[in-house]
Amino acid sequence: MAPTAASEPPRPPGFAAPELQGAGEWQDAAALPPRYRVSVEGMRALSQARLYGDHEALGVRHLDPDVVWDVPTHIAEGRPAMLSVLYSVKWAMAGVDLEPVLFRLVELSPRRSLLELALAAHLRPRRPWWGPGAWALPEEALLRIREVIHVSLGPSPDGSDDVITRIQGTLDNWGGLPWPIRWLNGLLFGSLPAATRPLWAPLAAAFDPSLRPPSQHAAAALAAARRHTAATTAAATAGVCGAANGAAEAATARAAATARDAAAAVVRAGEAMSEVFGAGSALGAAAGSLGGAVASAAQGAGAGPGVLAGTAAPGGAWLGTGKVEM
């Protein structure tokens, strides 16, 4: 059910949350214009950030340098103080997530708007350094928050240049602490840690790498670059070796195929030689037979004249072996 003016929580002393006159009815957060969604998502990212470096990057992107964070527990003035308070809350809470539920919007001018949000804050208070008592805390606590966000509109219509200049919030059914206590909390958890960061950052760097000195960042970056280079070189070497092995295997396969073809050619040549040798043997046998026949014919030709000389007589009479004188 959407909040109404009659159900608005009492405002704490000194809390000057503007009344959004003409803002109309509450609308579902899903219908939030894309331009303002950028700022809301930036707030959510800040609530979920863990490293101080992430807080700084998101703060530069979404917060004005002179932003004021005025909520029931503290007042933080300036971007560094606000980021320090946020970072301190993360040490006390295992997780914080702001879920927009409803919104109302008033565009005061082309360069300035007021966005009122009804938020559900999901807090996870269990932290290991609370000791065994941490398990006595609830796993998750839900707080209902009302916030008025002052948005300074940049030249880009997509909201990429918009920054938040002021955040004013109240908790449901709780007016908040008195103004002096809220201001003191902002000083102790915001302005003072921001001013003394060089003193506590080396201690917190054991848990937060983003707080390490630039020289350590450079050394870590150099080590990471060396690891990346070594991995890239190993991958490239493996690729080259794989390609070389593939080429060698292909060459070996081609050589084996050539050897098989050569062996087949030798076998075929042997078979041809065998056929030639077989034909030669047959030809030799035929020549021997022909030689024998010629020799027999020669012997017959040598005996024939003698026989004819002793048996033939002039006149054609066959007279035997005797000689007849006429």
C-alpha atoms as a PDB file:
ATOM      1  CA  MET A   1       0.000   0.000   0.000  1.00  0.00           C
ATOM      2  CA  ALA A   2       1.409   3.372  -1.001  1.00  0.00           C
ATOM      3  CA  PRO A   3       2.317   5.798   1.782  1.00  0.00           C
ATOM      4  CA  THR A   4       0.099   8.829   2.251  1.00  0.00           C
ATOM      5  CA  ALA A   5       0.680  12.260   3.706  1.00  0.00           C
ATOM      6  CA  ALA A   6      -1.264  11.272   6.820  1.00  0.00           C
ATOM      7  CA  SER A   7       1.024   8.278   7.445  1.00  0.00           C
ATOM      8  CA  GLU A   8       4.304  10.180   7.023  1.00  0.00           C
ATOM      9  CA  PRO A   9       6.658   9.596   9.984  1.00  0.00           C
ATOM     10  CA  PRO A  10       7.491  12.538  12.239  1.00  0.00           C
ATOM     11  CA  ARG A  11      10.556  14.450  11.154  1.00  0.00           C
ATOM     12  CA  PRO A  12      13.483  14.847  13.575  1.00  0.00           C
ATOM     13  CA  PRO A  13      14.459  18.255  14.923  1.00  0.00           C
ATOM     14  CA  GLY A  14      16.425  20.183  12.350  1.00  0.00           C
ATOM     15  CA  PHE A  15      15.398  17.791   9.600  1.00  0.00           C
ATOM     16  CA  ALA A  16      14.313  20.020   6.731  1.00  0.00           C
ATOM     17  CA  ALA A  17      12.932  17.485   4.268  1.00  0.00           C
ATOM     18  CA  PRO A  18      11.035  19.388   1.586  1.00  0.00           C
ATOM     19  CA  GLU A  19       7.410  18.666   0.996  1.00  0.00           C
ATOM     20  CA  LEU A  20       7.005  17.473  -2.575  1.00  0.00           C
ATOM     21  CA  GLN A  21       4.111  19.664  -3.563  1.00  0.00           C
ATOM     22  CA  GLY A  22       2.575  18.650  -6.860  1.00  0.00           C
ATOM     23  CA  ALA A  23       4.410  15.343  -6.940  1.00  0.00           C
ATOM     24  CA  GLY A  24       1.182  13.439  -7.389  1.00  0.00           C
ATOM     25  CA  GLU A  25       0.549   9.872  -6.305  1.00  0.00           C
ATOM     26  CA  TRP A  26       3.176   7.311  -5.468  1.00  0.00           C
ATOM     27  CA  GLN A  27       4.197   5.160  -8.414  1.00  0.00           C
ATOM     28  CA  ASP A  28       5.808   1.760  -8.635  1.00  0.00           C
ATOM     29  CA  ALA A  29       9.594   1.903  -8.822  1.00  0.00           C
ATOM     30  CA  ALA A  30       9.500  -0.148 -12.030  1.00  0.00           C
ATOM     31  CA  ALA A  31       8.014   2.926 -13.762  1.00  0.00           C
ATOM     32  CA  LEU A  32      10.929   5.182 -12.744  1.00  0.00           C
ATOM     33  CA  PRO A  33      12.145   7.243 -15.743  1.00  0.00           C
ATOM     34  CA  PRO A  34      15.431   5.882 -17.166  1.00  0.00           C
ATOM     35  CA  ARG A  35      17.263   9.141 -16.435  1.00  0.00           C
ATOM     36  CA  TYR A  36      16.646   8.914 -12.706  1.00  0.00           C
ATOM     37  CA  ARG A  37      17.153   5.184 -12.646  1.00  0.00           C
ATOM     38  CA  VAL A  38      20.869   5.886 -13.213  1.00  0.00           C
ATOM     39  CA  SER A  39      21.105   7.789  -9.911  1.00  0.00           C
ATOM     40  CA  VAL A  40      19.051   5.208  -8.020  1.00  0.00           C
ATOM     41  CA  GLU A  41      21.167   2.349  -9.313  1.00  0.00           C
ATOM     42  CA  GLY A  42      24.254   4.332  -8.323  1.00  0.00           C
ATOM     43  CA  MET A  43      22.928   4.541  -4.751  1.00  0.00           C
ATOM     44  CA  ARG A  44      22.265   0.811  -4.723  1.00  0.00           C
ATOM     45  CA  ALA A  45      25.768   0.106  -5.995  1.00  0.00           C
ATOM     46  CA  LEU A  46      27.211   2.295  -3.229  1.00  0.00           C
ATOM     47  CA  SER A  47      25.221   0.390  -0.619  1.00  0.00           C
ATOM     48  CA  GLN A  48      26.531  -2.949  -1.946  1.00  0.00           C
ATOM     49  CA  ALA A  49      30.168  -1.919  -2.514  1.00  0.00           C
ATOM     50  CA  ARG A  50      32.777  -3.608  -0.329  1.00  0.00           C
ATOM     51  CA  LEU A  51      36.183  -2.113  -1.190  1.00  0.00           C
ATOM     52  CA  TYR A  52      36.997   1.502  -0.439  1.00  0.00           C
ATOM     53  CA  GLY A  53      38.247   1.935  -3.988  1.00  0.00           C
ATOM     54  CA  ASP A  54      34.807   0.926  -5.272  1.00  0.00           C
ATOM     55  CA  HIS A  55      33.199   3.494  -2.970  1.00  0.00           C
ATOM     56  CA  GLU A  56      35.480   6.204  -4.336  1.00  0.00           C
ATOM     57  CA  ALA A  57      34.836   5.280  -7.970  1.00  0.00           C
ATOM     58  CA  LEU A  58      31.069   5.226  -7.503  1.00  0.00           C
ATOM     59  CA  GLY A  59      31.160   8.408  -5.427  1.00  0.00           C
ATOM     60  CA  VAL A  60      33.024  10.320  -8.131  1.00  0.00           C
ATOM     61  CA  ARG A  61      30.515   9.054 -10.676  1.00  0.00           C
ATOM     62  CA  HIS A  62      27.251   9.727  -8.800  1.00  0.00           C
ATOM     63  CA  LEU A  63      27.893  12.194  -5.942  1.00  0.00           C
ATOM     64  CA  ASP A  64      28.569  15.913  -5.966  1.00  0.00           C
ATOM     65  CA  PRO A  65      31.821  16.869  -4.160  1.00  0.00           C
ATOM     66  CA  ASP A  66      29.781  18.884  -1.625  1.00  0.00           C
ATOM     67  CA  VAL A  67      26.995  16.318  -1.163  1.00  0.00           C
ATOM     68  CA  VAL A  68      25.148  16.309   2.177  1.00  0.00           C
ATOM     69  CA  TRP A  69      23.844  13.045   3.657  1.00  0.00           C
ATOM     70  CA  ASP A  70      21.238  13.891   6.290  1.00  0.00           C
ATOM     71  CA  VAL A  71      19.628  10.791   7.870  1.00  0.00           C
ATOM     72  CA  PRO A  72      18.258   9.933  11.341  1.00  0.00           C
ATOM     73  CA  THR A  73      21.594   8.618  12.639  1.00  0.00           C
ATOM     74  CA  HIS A  74      24.126  11.122  11.288  1.00  0.00           C
ATOM     75  CA  ILE A  75      24.852  14.103   9.076  1.00  0.00           C
ATOM     76  CA  ALA A  76      27.838  13.797   6.723  1.00  0.00           C
ATOM     77  CA  GLU A  77      28.940  16.804   4.704  1.00  0.00           C
ATOM     78  CA  GLY A  78      31.147  16.314   1.654  1.00  0.00           C
ATOM     79  CA  ARG A  79      31.813  13.312  -0.556  1.00  0.00           C
ATOM     80  CA  PRO A  80      34.801  11.947   1.467  1.00  0.00           C
ATOM     81  CA  ALA A  81      32.832  12.095   4.720  1.00  0.00           C
ATOM     82  CA  MET A  82      29.822  10.341   3.205  1.00  0.00           C
ATOM     83  CA  LEU A  83      31.987   7.597   1.726  1.00  0.00           C
ATOM     84  CA  SER A  84      33.746   7.105   5.083  1.00  0.00           C
ATOM     85  CA  VAL A  85      30.400   6.682   6.872  1.00  0.00           C
ATOM     86  CA  LEU A  86      29.256   4.200   4.229  1.00  0.00           C
ATOM     87  CA  TYR A  87      32.501   2.266   4.517  1.00  0.00           C
ATOM     88  CA  SER A  88      32.169   2.157   8.322  1.00  0.00           C
ATOM     89  CA  VAL A  89      28.653   0.749   8.016  1.00  0.00           C
ATOM     90  CA  LYS A  90      30.052  -2.092   5.879  1.00  0.00           C
ATOM     91  CA  TRP A  91      32.372  -3.069   8.754  1.00  0.00           C
ATOM     92  CA  ALA A  92      29.356  -3.309  11.037  1.00  0.00           C
ATOM     93  CA  MET A  93      27.081  -5.035   8.515  1.00  0.00           C
ATOM     94  CA  ALA A  94      27.826  -8.073   6.374  1.00  0.00           C
ATOM     95  CA  GLY A  95      25.664  -6.659   3.635  1.00  0.00           C
ATOM     96  CA  VAL A  96      23.350  -3.763   2.791  1.00  0.00           C
ATOM     97  CA  ASP A  97      20.958  -3.629  -0.131  1.00  0.00           C
ATOM     98  CA  LEU A  98      18.531  -0.807  -0.901  1.00  0.00           C
ATOM     99  CA  GLU A  99      15.485  -1.907  -2.847  1.00  0.00           C
ATOM    100  CA  PRO A 100      13.333   0.890  -4.348  1.00  0.00           C
ATOM    101  CA  VAL A 101       9.628   0.228  -3.932  1.00  0.00           C
ATOM    102  CA  LEU A 102       7.782   3.471  -4.750  1.00  0.00           C
ATOM    103  CA  PHE A 103       8.717   6.933  -5.994  1.00  0.00           C
ATOM    104  CA  ARG A 104       7.440  10.455  -6.493  1.00  0.00           C
ATOM    105  CA  LEU A 105       9.135  13.006  -8.706  1.00  0.00           C
ATOM    106  CA  VAL A 106       9.164  16.811  -8.903  1.00  0.00           C
ATOM    107  CA  GLU A 107      11.186  18.482 -11.655  1.00  0.00           C
ATOM    108  CA  LEU A 108      11.919  21.911 -10.225  1.00  0.00           C
ATOM    109  CA  SER A 109      13.835  23.225 -13.235  1.00  0.00           C
ATOM    110  CA  PRO A 110      15.659  21.908 -16.302  1.00  0.00           C
ATOM    111  CA  ARG A 111      18.725  21.462 -14.087  1.00  0.00           C
ATOM    112  CA  ARG A 112      17.271  20.304 -10.761  1.00  0.00           C
ATOM    113  CA  SER A 113      14.829  17.637  -9.602  1.00  0.00           C
ATOM    114  CA  LEU A 114      13.607  16.142  -6.352  1.00  0.00           C
ATOM    115  CA  LEU A 115      13.074  12.391  -6.224  1.00  0.00           C
ATOM    116  CA  GLU A 116      11.334  10.876  -3.207  1.00  0.00           C
ATOM    117  CA  LEU A 117      11.796   7.151  -2.732  1.00  0.00           C
ATOM    118  CA  ALA A 118      10.202   4.565  -0.469  1.00  0.00           C
ATOM    119  CA  LEU A 119      12.965   1.987   0.058  1.00  0.00           C
ATOM    120  CA  ALA A 120      13.280  -1.424   1.666  1.00  0.00           C
ATOM    121  CA  ALA A 121      16.740  -1.703   3.244  1.00  0.00           C
ATOM    122  CA  HIS A 122      17.920  -5.296   3.659  1.00  0.00           C
ATOM    123  CA  LEU A 123      20.602  -5.471   6.359  1.00  0.00           C
ATOM    124  CA  ARG A 124      22.661  -8.582   7.155  1.00  0.00           C
ATOM    125  CA  PRO A 125      24.281  -7.828  10.542  1.00  0.00           C
ATOM    126  CA  ARG A 126      26.282 -11.022  11.103  1.00  0.00           C
ATOM    127  CA  ARG A 127      30.017 -10.337  10.989  1.00  0.00           C
ATOM    128  CA  PRO A 128      32.744 -12.791  12.072  1.00  0.00           C
ATOM    129  CA  TRP A 129      34.460 -10.327  14.439  1.00  0.00           C
ATOM    130  CA  TRP A 130      31.309 -10.094  16.548  1.00  0.00           C
ATOM    131  CA  GLY A 131      32.260 -13.564  17.781  1.00  0.00           C
ATOM    132  CA  PRO A 132      29.706 -16.194  18.807  1.00  0.00           C
ATOM    133  CA  GLY A 133      27.271 -13.428  19.620  1.00  0.00           C
ATOM    134  CA  ALA A 134      26.895 -12.782  15.893  1.00  0.00           C
ATOM    135  CA  TRP A 135      24.738 -15.886  15.598  1.00  0.00           C
ATOM    136  CA  ALA A 136      22.296 -14.359  18.057  1.00  0.00           C
ATOM    137  CA  LEU A 137      21.637 -11.578  15.558  1.00  0.00           C
ATOM    138  CA  PRO A 138      19.019 -12.090  12.854  1.00  0.00           C
ATOM    139  CA  GLU A 139      20.364 -13.238   9.514  1.00  0.00           C
ATOM    140  CA  GLU A 140      18.595 -10.328   7.831  1.00  0.00           C
ATOM    141  CA  ALA A 141      16.816  -7.240   9.121  1.00  0.00           C
ATOM    142  CA  LEU A 142      14.410  -5.166   7.059  1.00  0.00           C
ATOM    143  CA  LEU A 143      14.115  -1.409   7.474  1.00  0.00           C
ATOM    144  CA  ARG A 144      11.669   0.832   5.646  1.00  0.00           C
ATOM    145  CA  ILE A 145      13.231   4.121   4.606  1.00  0.00           C
ATOM    146  CA  ARG A 146      11.922   7.294   3.021  1.00  0.00           C
ATOM    147  CA  GLU A 147      14.502   9.405   1.183  1.00  0.00           C
ATOM    148  CA  VAL A 148      14.371  12.650  -0.744  1.00  0.00           C
ATOM    149  CA  ILE A 149      17.184  12.867  -3.271  1.00  0.00           C
ATOM    150  CA  HIS A 150      18.265  16.166  -4.801  1.00  0.00           C
ATOM    151  CA  VAL A 151      19.470  15.483  -8.336  1.00  0.00           C
ATOM    152  CA  SER A 152      21.482  17.999 -10.334  1.00  0.00           C
ATOM    153  CA  LEU A 153      20.762  17.280 -13.992  1.00  0.00           C
ATOM    154  CA  GLY A 154      23.662  17.265 -16.430  1.00  0.00           C
ATOM    155  CA  PRO A 155      23.618  18.011 -20.150  1.00  0.00           C
ATOM    156  CA  SER A 156      23.230  14.374 -21.170  1.00  0.00           C
ATOM    157  CA  PRO A 157      19.542  13.335 -21.378  1.00  0.00           C
ATOM    158  CA  ASP A 158      20.312   9.736 -20.414  1.00  0.00           C
ATOM    159  CA  GLY A 159      21.376  10.765 -16.891  1.00  0.00           C
ATOM    160  CA  SER A 160      25.031   9.823 -17.306  1.00  0.00           C
ATOM    161  CA  ASP A 161      26.105  13.332 -16.179  1.00  0.00           C
ATOM    162  CA  ASP A 162      23.620  13.707 -13.297  1.00  0.00           C
ATOM    163  CA  VAL A 163      24.931  13.919  -9.718  1.00  0.00           C
ATOM    164  CA  ILE A 164      23.289  13.764  -6.296  1.00  0.00           C
ATOM    165  CA  THR A 165      23.743  16.915  -4.241  1.00  0.00           C
ATOM    166  CA  ARG A 166      21.755  16.025  -1.110  1.00  0.00           C
ATOM    167  CA  ILE A 167      20.112  12.980   0.479  1.00  0.00           C
ATOM    168  CA  GLN A 168      17.547  13.405   3.250  1.00  0.00           C
ATOM    169  CA  GLY A 169      16.084  10.286   4.833  1.00  0.00           C
ATOM    170  CA  THR A 170      13.814   9.080   7.584  1.00  0.00           C
ATOM    171  CA  LEU A 171      13.128   5.665   9.065  1.00  0.00           C
ATOM    172  CA  ASP A 172       9.608   4.335   9.282  1.00  0.00           C
ATOM    173  CA  ASN A 173       8.122   4.996  12.739  1.00  0.00           C
ATOM    174  CA  TRP A 174      11.308   6.573  14.042  1.00  0.00           C
ATOM    175  CA  GLY A 175      12.072  10.235  14.023  1.00  0.00           C
ATOM    176  CA  GLY A 176      15.803   9.841  14.536  1.00  0.00           C
ATOM    177  CA  LEU A 177      18.450  11.131  16.927  1.00  0.00           C
ATOM    178  CA  PRO A 178      18.701  14.752  18.001  1.00  0.00           C
ATOM    179  CA  TRP A 179      20.574  17.006  15.615  1.00  0.00           C
ATOM    180  CA  PRO A 180      23.727  17.481  17.783  1.00  0.00           C
ATOM    181  CA  ILE A 181      24.183  13.714  18.117  1.00  0.00           C
ATOM    182  CA  ARG A 182      23.682  13.198  14.402  1.00  0.00           C
ATOM    183  CA  TRP A 183      26.227  15.904  13.649  1.00  0.00           C
ATOM    184  CA  LEU A 184      28.702  14.344  16.115  1.00  0.00           C
ATOM    185  CA  ASN A 185      28.236  10.918  14.534  1.00  0.00           C
ATOM    186  CA  GLY A 186      28.927  12.427  11.133  1.00  0.00           C
ATOM    187  CA  LEU A 187      32.117  13.966  12.504  1.00  0.00           C
ATOM    188  CA  LEU A 188      33.344  10.769  14.192  1.00  0.00           C
ATOM    189  CA  PHE A 189      32.478   8.304  11.416  1.00  0.00           C
ATOM    190  CA  GLY A 190      32.743  10.618   8.420  1.00  0.00           C
ATOM    191  CA  SER A 191      34.856  13.754   8.503  1.00  0.00           C
ATOM    192  CA  LEU A 192      37.476  12.469  10.975  1.00  0.00           C
ATOM    193  CA  PRO A 193      38.182   9.125   9.198  1.00  0.00           C
ATOM    194  CA  ALA A 194      38.302  10.937   5.854  1.00  0.00           C
ATOM    195  CA  ALA A 195      40.903  13.374   7.211  1.00  0.00           C
ATOM    196  CA  THR A 196      43.003  10.650   8.896  1.00  0.00           C
ATOM    197  CA  ARG A 197      42.908   8.091   6.120  1.00  0.00           C
ATOM    198  CA  PRO A 198      46.735   7.840   5.823  1.00  0.00           C
ATOM    199  CA  LEU A 199      46.810   6.641   9.461  1.00  0.00           C
ATOM    200  CA  TRP A 200      44.239   3.838   9.368  1.00  0.00           C
ATOM    201  CA  ALA A 201      44.506   2.822   5.700  1.00  0.00           C
ATOM    202  CA  PRO A 202      47.661   0.653   6.204  1.00  0.00           C
ATOM    203  CA  LEU A 203      45.827  -1.356   8.875  1.00  0.00           C
ATOM    204  CA  ALA A 204      42.652  -1.766   6.852  1.00  0.00           C
ATOM    205  CA  ALA A 205      44.725  -2.659   3.771  1.00  0.00           C
ATOM    206  CA  ALA A 206      45.166  -6.137   5.255  1.00  0.00           C
ATOM    207  CA  PHE A 207      41.471  -6.694   4.513  1.00  0.00           C
ATOM    208  CA  ASP A 208      40.975  -4.194   1.677  1.00  0.00           C
ATOM    209  CA  PRO A 209      43.515  -4.336  -1.196  1.00  0.00           C
ATOM    210  CA  SER A 210      42.235  -1.035  -2.606  1.00  0.00           C
ATOM    211  CA  LEU A 211      43.744   0.806   0.405  1.00  0.00           C
ATOM    212  CA  ARG A 212      47.292  -0.350  -0.305  1.00  0.00           C
ATOM    213  CA  PRO A 213      49.871   2.277  -1.317  1.00  0.00           C
ATOM    214  CA  PRO A 214      50.249   3.036  -5.031  1.00  0.00           C
ATOM    215  CA  SER A 215      53.662   1.326  -5.058  1.00  0.00           C
ATOM    216  CA  GLN A 216      52.057  -1.911  -3.897  1.00  0.00           C
ATOM    217  CA  HIS A 217      49.341  -1.485  -6.490  1.00  0.00           C
ATOM    218  CA  ALA A 218      52.026  -1.038  -9.126  1.00  0.00           C
ATOM    219  CA  ALA A 219      53.882  -4.114  -7.875  1.00  0.00           C
ATOM    220  CA  ALA A 220      50.673  -6.131  -7.825  1.00  0.00           C
ATOM    221  CA  ALA A 221      49.780  -4.877 -11.292  1.00  0.00           C
ATOM    222  CA  LEU A 222      53.274  -5.758 -12.527  1.00  0.00           C
ATOM    223  CA  ALA A 223      53.021  -9.233 -11.021  1.00  0.00           C
ATOM    224  CA  ALA A 224      49.595  -9.694 -12.583  1.00  0.00           C
ATOM    225  CA  ALA A 225      50.949  -8.492 -15.931  1.00  0.00           C
ATOM    226  CA  ARG A 226      53.842 -10.931 -15.660  1.00  0.00           C
ATOM    227  CA  ARG A 227      51.479 -13.779 -14.856  1.00  0.00           C
ATOM    228  CA  HIS A 228      49.292 -12.794 -17.769  1.00  0.00           C
ATOM    229  CA  THR A 229      52.324 -12.602 -20.073  1.00  0.00           C
ATOM    230  CA  ALA A 230      53.592 -15.989 -18.897  1.00  0.00           C
ATOM    231  CA  ALA A 231      50.169 -17.544 -19.412  1.00  0.00           C
ATOM    232  CA  THR A 232      49.856 -15.952 -22.850  1.00  0.00           C
ATOM    233  CA  THR A 233      53.364 -17.104 -23.819  1.00  0.00           C
ATOM    234  CA  ALA A 234      52.658 -20.627 -22.585  1.00  0.00           C
ATOM    235  CA  ALA A 235      49.423 -20.712 -24.549  1.00  0.00           C
ATOM    236  CA  ALA A 236      51.161 -19.378 -27.665  1.00  0.00           C
ATOM    237  CA  THR A 237      54.002 -21.885 -27.242  1.00  0.00           C
ATOM    238  CA  ALA A 238      51.540 -24.696 -26.801  1.00  0.00           C
ATOM    239  CA  GLY A 239      49.736 -23.528 -29.923  1.00  0.00           C
ATOM    240  CA  VAL A 240      52.992 -23.369 -31.918  1.00  0.00           C
ATOM    241  CA  CYS A 241      54.082 -26.777 -30.652  1.00  0.00           C
ATOM    242  CA  GLY A 242      50.683 -28.175 -31.452  1.00  0.00           C
ATOM    243  CA  ALA A 243      50.844 -26.710 -34.930  1.00  0.00           C
ATOM    244  CA  ALA A 244      54.405 -28.060 -35.387  1.00  0.00           C
ATOM    245  CA  ASN A 245      53.358 -31.465 -34.138  1.00  0.00           C
ATOM    246  CA  GLY A 246      50.395 -31.402 -36.483  1.00  0.00           C
ATOM    247  CA  ALA A 247      52.636 -30.443 -39.400  1.00  0.00           C
ATOM    248  CA  ALA A 248      55.127 -33.164 -38.452  1.00  0.00           C
ATOM    249  CA  GLU A 249      52.358 -35.725 -38.200  1.00  0.00           C
ATOM    250  CA  ALA A 250      51.023 -34.647 -41.579  1.00  0.00           C
ATOM    251  CA  ALA A 251      54.523 -34.863 -43.115  1.00  0.00           C
ATOM    252  CA  THR A 252      55.018 -38.301 -41.543  1.00  0.00           C
ATOM    253  CA  ALA A 253      51.678 -39.443 -42.927  1.00  0.00           C
ATOM    254  CA  ARG A 254      52.626 -38.149 -46.366  1.00  0.00           C
ATOM    255  CA  ALA A 255      56.035 -39.893 -46.142  1.00  0.00           C
ATOM    256  CA  ALA A 256      54.371 -43.115 -45.070  1.00  0.00           C
ATOM    257  CA  ALA A 257      51.940 -42.853 -47.979  1.00  0.00           C
ATOM    258  CA  THR A 258      54.865 -42.217 -50.356  1.00  0.00           C
ATOM    259  CA  ALA A 259      56.715 -45.213 -48.924  1.00  0.00           C
ATOM    260  CA  ARG A 260      53.647 -47.386 -49.375  1.00  0.00           C
ATOM    261  CA  ASP A 261      53.327 -46.204 -52.967  1.00  0.00           C
ATOM    262  CA  ALA A 262      57.033 -46.904 -53.566  1.00  0.00           C
ATOM    263  CA  ALA A 263      56.725 -50.367 -52.045  1.00  0.00           C
ATOM    264  CA  ALA A 264      53.719 -51.089 -54.250  1.00  0.00           C
ATOM    265  CA  ALA A 265      55.719 -49.888 -57.271  1.00  0.00           C
ATOM    266  CA  VAL A 266      58.604 -52.201 -56.324  1.00  0.00           C
ATOM    267  CA  VAL A 267      56.203 -55.106 -55.977  1.00  0.00           C
ATOM    268  CA  ARG A 268      54.722 -54.329 -59.374  1.00  0.00           C
ATOM    269  CA  ALA A 269      58.244 -54.062 -60.873  1.00  0.00           C
ATOM    270  CA  GLY A 270      59.142 -57.430 -59.328  1.00  0.00           C
ATOM    271  CA  GLU A 271      56.059 -58.971 -60.777  1.00  0.00           C
ATOM    272  CA  ALA A 272      56.929 -57.474 -64.190  1.00  0.00           C
ATOM    273  CA  MET A 273      60.490 -58.791 -63.926  1.00  0.00           C
ATOM    274  CA  SER A 274      59.130 -62.190 -63.019  1.00  0.00           C
ATOM    275  CA  GLU A 275      56.915 -62.060 -66.079  1.00  0.00           C
ATOM    276  CA  VAL A 276      59.930 -61.015 -68.191  1.00  0.00           C
ATOM    277  CA  PHE A 277      62.057 -63.777 -66.725  1.00  0.00           C
ATOM    278  CA  GLY A 278      59.245 -66.275 -67.365  1.00  0.00           C
ATOM    279  CA  ALA A 279      58.961 -65.072 -70.962  1.00  0.00           C
ATOM    280  CA  GLY A 280      62.770 -65.366 -71.334  1.00  0.00           C
ATOM    281  CA  SER A 281      62.719 -68.927 -70.047  1.00  0.00           C
ATOM    282  CA  ALA A 282      59.960 -69.818 -72.496  1.00  0.00           C
ATOM    283  CA  LEU A 283      61.857 -68.108 -75.273  1.00  0.00           C
ATOM    284  CA  GLY A 284      65.017 -69.997 -74.276  1.00  0.00           C
ATOM    285  CA  ALA A 285      63.142 -73.263 -74.323  1.00  0.00           C
ATOM    286  CA  ALA A 286      61.674 -72.398 -77.708  1.00  0.00           C
ATOM    287  CA  ALA A 287      65.105 -71.446 -78.987  1.00  0.00           C
ATOM    288  CA  GLY A 288      66.538 -74.765 -77.720  1.00  0.00           C
ATOM    289  CA  SER A 289      63.786 -76.676 -79.448  1.00  0.00           C
ATOM    290  CA  LEU A 290      64.390 -74.724 -82.630  1.00  0.00           C
ATOM    291  CA  GLY A 291      68.111 -75.347 -82.353  1.00  0.00           C
ATOM    292  CA  GLY A 292      67.503 -79.073 -81.997  1.00  0.00           C
ATOM    293  CA  ALA A 293      65.264 -79.074 -85.019  1.00  0.00           C
ATOM    294  CA  VAL A 294      67.835 -77.158 -87.040  1.00  0.00           C
ATOM    295  CA  ALA A 295      70.549 -79.568 -85.981  1.00  0.00           C
ATOM    296  CA  SER A 296      68.423 -82.523 -86.995  1.00  0.00           C
ATOM    297  CA  ALA A 297      67.690 -80.897 -90.312  1.00  0.00           C
ATOM    298  CA  ALA A 298      71.366 -80.200 -90.802  1.00  0.00           C
ATOM    299  CA  GLN A 299      72.284 -83.824 -90.188  1.00  0.00           C
ATOM    300  CA  GLY A 300      69.648 -84.960 -92.670  1.00  0.00           C
ATOM    301  CA  ALA A 301      70.934 -82.558 -95.281  1.00  0.00           C
ATOM    302  CA  GLY A 302      74.519 -83.863 -94.909  1.00  0.00           C
ATOM    303  CA  ALA A 303      73.532 -87.593 -95.573  1.00  0.00           C
ATOM    304  CA  GLY A 304      71.191 -86.889 -98.460  1.00  0.00           C
ATOM    305  CA  PRO A 305      73.794 -86.229-101.314  1.00  0.00           C
ATOM    306  CA  GLY A 306      75.696 -89.400-100.562  1.00  0.00           C
ATOM    307  CA  VAL A 307      72.632 -91.507-100.768  1.00  0.00           C
ATOM    308  CA  LEU A 308      71.508 -89.814-103.898  1.00  0.00           C
ATOM    309  CA  ALA A 309      74.983 -90.227-105.478  1.00  0.00           C
ATOM    310  CA  GLY A 310      75.031 -93.947-104.899  1.00  0.00           C
ATOM    311  CA  THR A 311      71.548 -94.795-106.041  1.00  0.00           C
ATOM    312  CA  ALA A 312      70.734 -92.615-108.969  1.00  0.00           C
ATOM    313  CA  ALA A 313      71.977 -93.425-112.494  1.00  0.00           C
ATOM    314  CA  PRO A 314      71.954 -91.441-115.649  1.00  0.00           C
ATOM    315  CA  GLY A 315      68.766 -91.973-117.473  1.00  0.00           C
ATOM    316  CA  GLY A 316      66.783 -92.240-114.326  1.00  0.00           C
ATOM    317  CA  ALA A 317      67.195 -95.999-113.800  1.00  0.00           C
ATOM    318  CA  TRP A 318      67.651 -97.218-110.365  1.00  0.00           C
ATOM    319  CA  LEU A 319      70.616 -99.583-110.389  1.00  0.00           C
ATOM    320  CA  GLY A 320      71.426-100.133-106.775  1.00  0.00           C
ATOM    321  CA  THR A 321      74.876 -99.507-105.511  1.00  0.00           C
ATOM    322  CA  GLY A 322      76.827-100.828-108.473  1.00  0.00           C
ATOM    323  CA  LYS A 323      78.171 -98.695-111.209  1.00  0.00           C
ATOM    324  CA  VAL A 324      76.909 -99.493-114.830  1.00  0.00           C
ATOM    325  CA  GLU A 325      78.923 -98.518-117.794  1.00  0.00           C
ATOM    326  CA  MET A 326      77.095 -97.793-120.968  1.00  0.00           C
END
